[in-house]
Protein backbone atom coordinates (compact mmCIF):
# COMPACT_ATOMS: atom_id res chain seq x y z
CA MET A 1 -38.50 27.88 72.68
CA PRO A 2 -37.04 30.70 70.99
CA LEU A 3 -34.92 33.42 73.02
CA CYS A 4 -35.58 36.91 73.63
CA PRO A 5 -34.48 39.17 70.80
CA VAL A 6 -33.69 41.89 73.54
CA CYS A 7 -31.57 40.42 76.41
CA GLY A 8 -30.93 36.32 74.76
CA SER A 9 -32.90 34.80 77.77
CA ARG A 10 -35.88 32.42 77.22
CA THR A 11 -39.05 32.95 76.15
CA ASN A 12 -42.43 31.82 77.31
CA ARG A 13 -45.27 31.24 74.93
CA VAL A 14 -48.33 34.00 75.42
CA HIS A 15 -51.37 34.08 74.52
CA ARG A 16 -52.09 35.64 71.19
CA ARG A 17 -54.72 38.63 70.66
CA THR A 18 -56.93 38.71 67.65
CA ARG A 19 -54.61 41.51 65.65
CA ASP A 20 -52.38 38.73 66.14
CA ARG A 21 -54.44 35.69 64.66
CA LEU A 22 -55.21 37.68 61.76
CA ARG A 23 -51.88 38.87 61.22
CA SER A 24 -51.16 35.26 61.42
CA ILE A 25 -52.50 34.38 58.48
CA VAL A 26 -50.34 35.84 56.24
CA ASN A 27 -47.03 35.28 58.05
CA PRO A 28 -47.73 32.65 60.83
CA ALA A 29 -45.93 34.17 64.52
CA ASN A 30 -46.59 32.80 67.90
CA ARG A 31 -46.93 35.37 70.78
CA TYR A 32 -43.36 35.33 73.47
CA ARG A 33 -43.28 36.91 76.52
CA CYS A 34 -39.46 37.59 77.81
CA SER A 35 -39.00 35.40 80.97
CA SER A 36 -36.16 37.51 82.60
CA GLU A 37 -37.58 39.73 85.28
CA TYR A 38 -35.21 42.66 83.98
CA CYS A 39 -36.67 42.57 80.94
CA ALA A 40 -40.35 43.73 79.72
CA TRP A 41 -40.13 42.55 76.17
CA GLU A 42 -43.02 40.76 74.39
CA GLY A 43 -43.96 40.19 71.13
CA ASN A 44 -44.40 37.98 68.06
CA LEU A 45 -41.65 35.89 66.43
CA LYS A 46 -42.12 33.87 63.68
CA SER A 47 -43.44 30.21 63.54
CA GLY A 48 -41.50 28.38 60.97
CA LYS A 49 -44.68 27.28 59.34
CA PRO A 50 -44.02 28.39 55.67
CA LEU A 51 -47.13 29.77 54.35
CA ILE A 52 -47.55 26.98 51.44
CA ASN A 53 -48.42 24.58 54.37
CA LEU A 54 -51.38 26.80 55.63
CA ILE A 55 -52.71 27.21 51.91
CA ILE A 56 -52.12 23.78 51.68
CA LYS A 57 -54.56 23.18 54.84
CA TRP A 58 -56.75 25.38 53.85
CA VAL A 59 -57.57 23.93 50.44
CA VAL A 60 -58.16 19.97 51.54
CA PHE A 61 -60.41 21.70 54.25
CA VAL A 62 -62.27 23.81 51.96
CA ILE A 63 -62.33 20.81 49.32
CA ALA A 64 -63.64 18.18 52.19
CA ALA A 65 -66.18 20.85 53.08
CA ALA A 66 -67.97 20.60 50.04
CA ILE A 67 -67.83 17.00 49.43
CA ILE A 68 -69.43 16.52 53.08
CA GLY A 69 -71.65 19.16 52.45
CA LYS A 70 -72.77 17.09 49.11
CA ILE A 71 -72.99 14.07 50.64
CA ILE A 72 -75.20 15.62 53.11
CA VAL A 73 -77.63 17.43 50.93
CA ARG A 74 -78.27 13.87 49.40
């Protein structure tokens, strides 16, 4: 787990909001909350996944869907 950028404590991963998911398409990130009871920080931190990996996964998915679609239609 990454450390809190404000106080340096451990963070816990929390569910992303819809706008976080939309932003994550271009800039992959996960949402975290600081575990310290004195720090109220919550926000997004980079997930470390390069954008190219996501693009490759989507291209493979689209190609596979097209191939499966053609097989089913026949």
